[in-house]
Amino acid sequence: MTDAPQLEEQVLAALERALAEGQLEAAEHLLRALEALCGDALPGSVLANAYLAVARDLAPGCSCD
């Protein structure tokens, strides 16, 4: 068995790509998928990282880290 990325990590990567490509409707669906998969948005969690990615995309000059 390989060390394949977790589903949440793959969805996060797809979300980041959708944001980079300006596919905001797809990004919204991917964010909702992460909200369904993840239990919480604690700092450092996949869901928290997703929210940060969206914030960075919507406010490019923001230091959202």
Protein backbone atom coordinates (compact mmCIF):
# COMPACT_ATOMS: atom_id res chain seq x y z
CA MET A 1 0.00 0.00 0.00
CA THR A 2 1.34 3.44 -0.91
CA ASP A 3 1.27 6.64 1.09
CA ALA A 4 -1.45 8.19 -1.06
CA PRO A 5 -2.77 11.57 0.01
CA GLN A 6 -5.95 11.54 2.06
CA LEU A 7 -9.18 12.42 0.25
CA GLU A 8 -9.36 15.72 2.15
CA GLU A 9 -5.88 16.68 0.91
CA GLN A 10 -6.80 15.82 -2.67
CA VAL A 11 -9.98 17.91 -2.46
CA LEU A 12 -7.95 20.80 -0.99
CA ALA A 13 -5.51 20.57 -3.91
CA ALA A 14 -8.45 20.61 -6.34
CA LEU A 15 -9.91 23.63 -4.51
CA GLU A 16 -6.62 25.52 -4.75
CA ARG A 17 -6.40 24.70 -8.47
CA ALA A 18 -9.99 25.82 -9.07
CA LEU A 19 -9.26 29.12 -7.33
CA ALA A 20 -6.06 29.61 -9.35
CA GLU A 21 -7.94 28.97 -12.58
CA GLY A 22 -10.84 31.27 -11.64
CA GLN A 23 -13.34 28.42 -11.44
CA LEU A 24 -15.21 29.89 -8.49
CA GLU A 25 -18.36 27.79 -8.81
CA ALA A 26 -16.29 24.60 -8.75
CA ALA A 27 -14.26 25.99 -5.84
CA GLU A 28 -17.48 26.57 -3.89
CA HIS A 29 -18.55 22.94 -4.41
CA LEU A 30 -15.11 21.70 -3.37
CA LEU A 31 -15.19 23.83 -0.23
CA ARG A 32 -18.59 22.38 0.63
CA ALA A 33 -17.18 18.89 0.10
CA LEU A 34 -14.38 19.67 2.55
CA GLU A 35 -16.90 20.99 5.06
CA ALA A 36 -18.76 17.67 4.78
CA LEU A 37 -15.57 15.59 5.08
CA CYS A 38 -13.88 17.49 7.90
CA GLY A 39 -15.16 17.72 11.42
CA ASP A 40 -13.67 21.07 12.33
CA ALA A 41 -11.61 24.00 11.15
CA LEU A 42 -8.98 24.02 13.88
CA PRO A 43 -5.78 25.89 12.97
CA GLY A 44 -3.64 23.70 10.74
CA SER A 45 -6.52 21.45 9.69
CA VAL A 46 -7.33 20.81 6.04
CA LEU A 47 -10.57 22.79 6.38
CA ALA A 48 -8.79 25.75 7.99
CA ASN A 49 -6.26 25.68 5.15
CA ALA A 50 -9.12 25.68 2.65
CA TYR A 51 -10.66 28.76 4.26
CA LEU A 52 -7.25 30.46 4.14
CA ALA A 53 -6.90 29.60 0.44
CA VAL A 54 -10.29 31.15 -0.29
CA ALA A 55 -9.45 34.24 1.77
CA ARG A 56 -6.12 34.66 -0.04
CA ASP A 57 -7.87 34.35 -3.40
CA LEU A 58 -10.59 36.87 -2.56
CA ALA A 59 -8.23 39.36 -0.88
CA PRO A 60 -4.85 38.98 -2.65
CA GLY A 61 -3.11 41.69 -0.62
CA CYS A 62 -4.25 40.22 2.69
CA SER A 63 -1.81 38.54 5.05
CA CYS A 64 -4.30 35.84 6.02
CA ASP A 65 -1.82 33.41 7.57
